[in-house]
Amino acid sequence: MKETITSFENITLRLTGISVCIEYEITMKGEEARVAKYGIMFNGRQERKTTVLETFYSKERMIKLLNDCDLLSWDGFSGYPPKRKEDKVVVYELKAIINGRTISASGSEIRPEHYQEFNDGLNEIIFENREDME
């Protein structure tokens, strides 16, 4: 039987490409989840993180998204192909504390099941609440 997500502390999804790096961070704040999207610029080995958008979302709705995308099943996923076909790939890295345990996943061309739904869900959350931030 599939384990259900009942709680989380922090979830970070970083997408790194040739010229862009984006990071989503979801952090529990009381009964709400703070969802932030950052743009990251690199200067040598230094990184500068700039908040692009942030919002708050209900804990229940966030947990539903996490369960719908079966985030616990991502733990240990490594989606790197045996040989890189080209250098123009986006590398993703997920780190999270869910149900009291740390999970992680990473890769480039091969993604865990429901990856796109999770990414799309985060963008929907941020953009549907954008008016509340202005």
Protein backbone atom coordinates (compact mmCIF):
# COMPACT_ATOMS: atom_id res chain seq x y z
CA MET A 1 0.00 0.00 0.00
CA LYS A 2 1.27 3.43 -0.98
CA GLU A 3 2.34 5.67 1.93
CA THR A 4 0.31 8.88 2.20
CA ILE A 5 1.96 12.21 2.84
CA THR A 6 0.55 13.79 5.99
CA SER A 7 3.16 16.46 6.70
CA PHE A 8 6.22 18.21 5.36
CA GLU A 9 8.72 20.78 6.58
CA ASN A 10 10.56 21.92 3.49
CA ILE A 11 10.74 21.03 -0.20
CA THR A 12 13.22 22.48 -2.67
CA LEU A 13 13.17 21.83 -6.41
CA ARG A 14 16.07 23.36 -8.36
CA LEU A 15 16.18 23.45 -12.17
CA THR A 16 19.53 24.36 -13.68
CA GLY A 17 20.15 24.95 -17.38
CA ILE A 18 22.87 26.54 -19.47
CA SER A 19 21.80 30.14 -18.86
CA VAL A 20 19.14 29.92 -16.18
CA CYS A 21 18.62 28.48 -12.72
CA ILE A 22 15.22 28.47 -11.02
CA GLU A 23 14.44 27.22 -7.56
CA TYR A 24 11.09 26.52 -5.95
CA GLU A 25 10.97 26.39 -2.18
CA ILE A 26 7.96 25.25 -0.16
CA THR A 27 8.14 25.75 3.60
CA MET A 28 5.49 25.15 6.24
CA LYS A 29 4.54 28.30 8.17
CA GLY A 30 1.87 27.37 10.70
CA GLU A 31 -1.13 26.06 8.78
CA GLU A 32 0.05 27.49 5.46
CA ALA A 33 2.73 26.58 2.98
CA ARG A 34 4.98 29.41 1.81
CA VAL A 35 5.70 28.82 -1.89
CA ALA A 36 8.52 30.85 -3.42
CA LYS A 37 10.11 30.91 -6.85
CA TYR A 38 13.67 32.22 -7.09
CA GLY A 39 15.91 33.18 -9.96
CA ILE A 40 19.54 32.34 -9.31
CA MET A 41 22.47 34.13 -10.93
CA PHE A 42 26.02 32.82 -10.73
CA ASN A 43 29.18 34.88 -10.48
CA GLY A 44 32.00 32.39 -10.48
CA ARG A 45 31.29 30.08 -7.54
CA GLN A 46 29.05 32.65 -5.83
CA GLU A 47 25.30 32.46 -6.32
CA ARG A 48 22.81 35.26 -5.86
CA LYS A 49 19.22 34.24 -5.21
CA THR A 50 16.44 36.70 -6.07
CA THR A 51 12.79 36.15 -5.17
CA VAL A 52 10.73 36.17 -8.36
CA LEU A 53 7.36 35.45 -6.74
CA GLU A 54 6.08 34.11 -3.46
CA THR A 55 2.71 33.30 -1.98
CA PHE A 56 1.04 31.31 0.77
CA TYR A 57 -1.09 28.26 0.06
CA SER A 58 -3.23 26.06 2.29
CA LYS A 59 -1.45 23.13 3.93
CA GLU A 60 -4.24 20.74 2.87
CA ARG A 61 -4.10 21.73 -0.80
CA MET A 62 -0.31 21.47 -0.86
CA ILE A 63 -0.38 18.01 0.72
CA LYS A 64 -2.97 16.99 -1.90
CA LEU A 65 -0.58 18.10 -4.70
CA LEU A 66 2.29 16.18 -3.08
CA ASN A 67 0.17 13.02 -2.82
CA ASP A 68 -1.27 13.41 -6.33
CA CYS A 69 2.31 13.59 -7.66
CA ASP A 70 3.43 10.72 -5.39
CA LEU A 71 6.48 12.66 -4.21
CA LEU A 72 7.52 9.96 -1.73
CA SER A 73 8.09 7.56 -4.64
CA TRP A 74 10.74 9.96 -5.99
CA ASP A 75 13.13 9.19 -3.12
CA GLY A 76 16.47 8.00 -4.49
CA PHE A 77 15.45 8.57 -8.12
CA SER A 78 18.43 9.21 -10.39
CA GLY A 79 17.46 10.24 -13.90
CA TYR A 80 20.80 10.67 -15.59
CA PRO A 81 21.11 8.90 -18.95
CA PRO A 82 24.16 6.67 -19.48
CA LYS A 83 25.54 9.06 -22.11
CA ARG A 84 24.72 12.71 -22.55
CA LYS A 85 23.53 13.44 -26.06
CA GLU A 86 24.10 17.18 -25.71
CA ASP A 87 25.07 19.74 -23.13
CA LYS A 88 21.82 21.70 -23.43
CA VAL A 89 19.89 19.79 -20.77
CA VAL A 90 18.11 20.95 -17.65
CA VAL A 91 19.29 19.29 -14.48
CA TYR A 92 16.80 19.02 -11.61
CA GLU A 93 17.39 18.34 -7.96
CA LEU A 94 14.73 17.74 -5.31
CA LYS A 95 15.41 17.77 -1.58
CA ALA A 96 12.61 17.48 0.93
CA ILE A 97 11.62 16.61 4.46
CA ILE A 98 8.31 14.78 4.20
CA ASN A 99 6.59 12.77 6.94
CA GLY A 100 9.67 13.43 9.10
CA ARG A 101 12.21 11.91 6.71
CA THR A 102 14.57 13.31 4.12
CA ILE A 103 14.03 12.40 0.48
CA SER A 104 15.96 13.39 -2.62
CA ALA A 105 15.88 12.93 -6.38
CA SER A 106 17.93 14.28 -9.25
CA GLY A 107 18.55 13.87 -12.93
CA SER A 108 18.45 15.51 -16.31
CA GLU A 109 16.66 13.93 -19.24
CA ILE A 110 14.82 11.23 -17.28
CA ARG A 111 12.29 12.42 -14.72
CA PRO A 112 10.23 10.62 -12.08
CA GLU A 113 6.59 9.88 -12.78
CA HIS A 114 4.39 12.97 -12.21
CA TYR A 115 7.38 15.35 -12.38
CA GLN A 116 5.69 17.61 -14.93
CA GLU A 117 2.43 17.68 -12.95
CA PHE A 118 4.36 18.77 -9.83
CA ASN A 119 6.25 21.49 -11.72
CA ASP A 120 3.04 22.72 -13.37
CA GLY A 121 1.22 22.62 -10.01
CA LEU A 122 3.85 24.84 -8.37
CA ASN A 123 3.60 27.37 -11.19
CA GLU A 124 -0.21 27.37 -10.98
CA ILE A 125 -0.07 28.01 -7.22
CA ILE A 126 2.32 30.91 -7.65
CA PHE A 127 0.53 32.53 -10.56
CA GLU A 128 -3.05 32.04 -9.33
CA ASN A 129 -2.14 33.91 -6.15
CA ARG A 130 -0.05 36.56 -7.88
CA GLU A 131 -2.78 39.22 -7.59
CA ASP A 132 -2.76 38.82 -3.79
CA MET A 133 0.90 39.89 -3.73
CA GLU A 134 0.53 43.11 -5.72
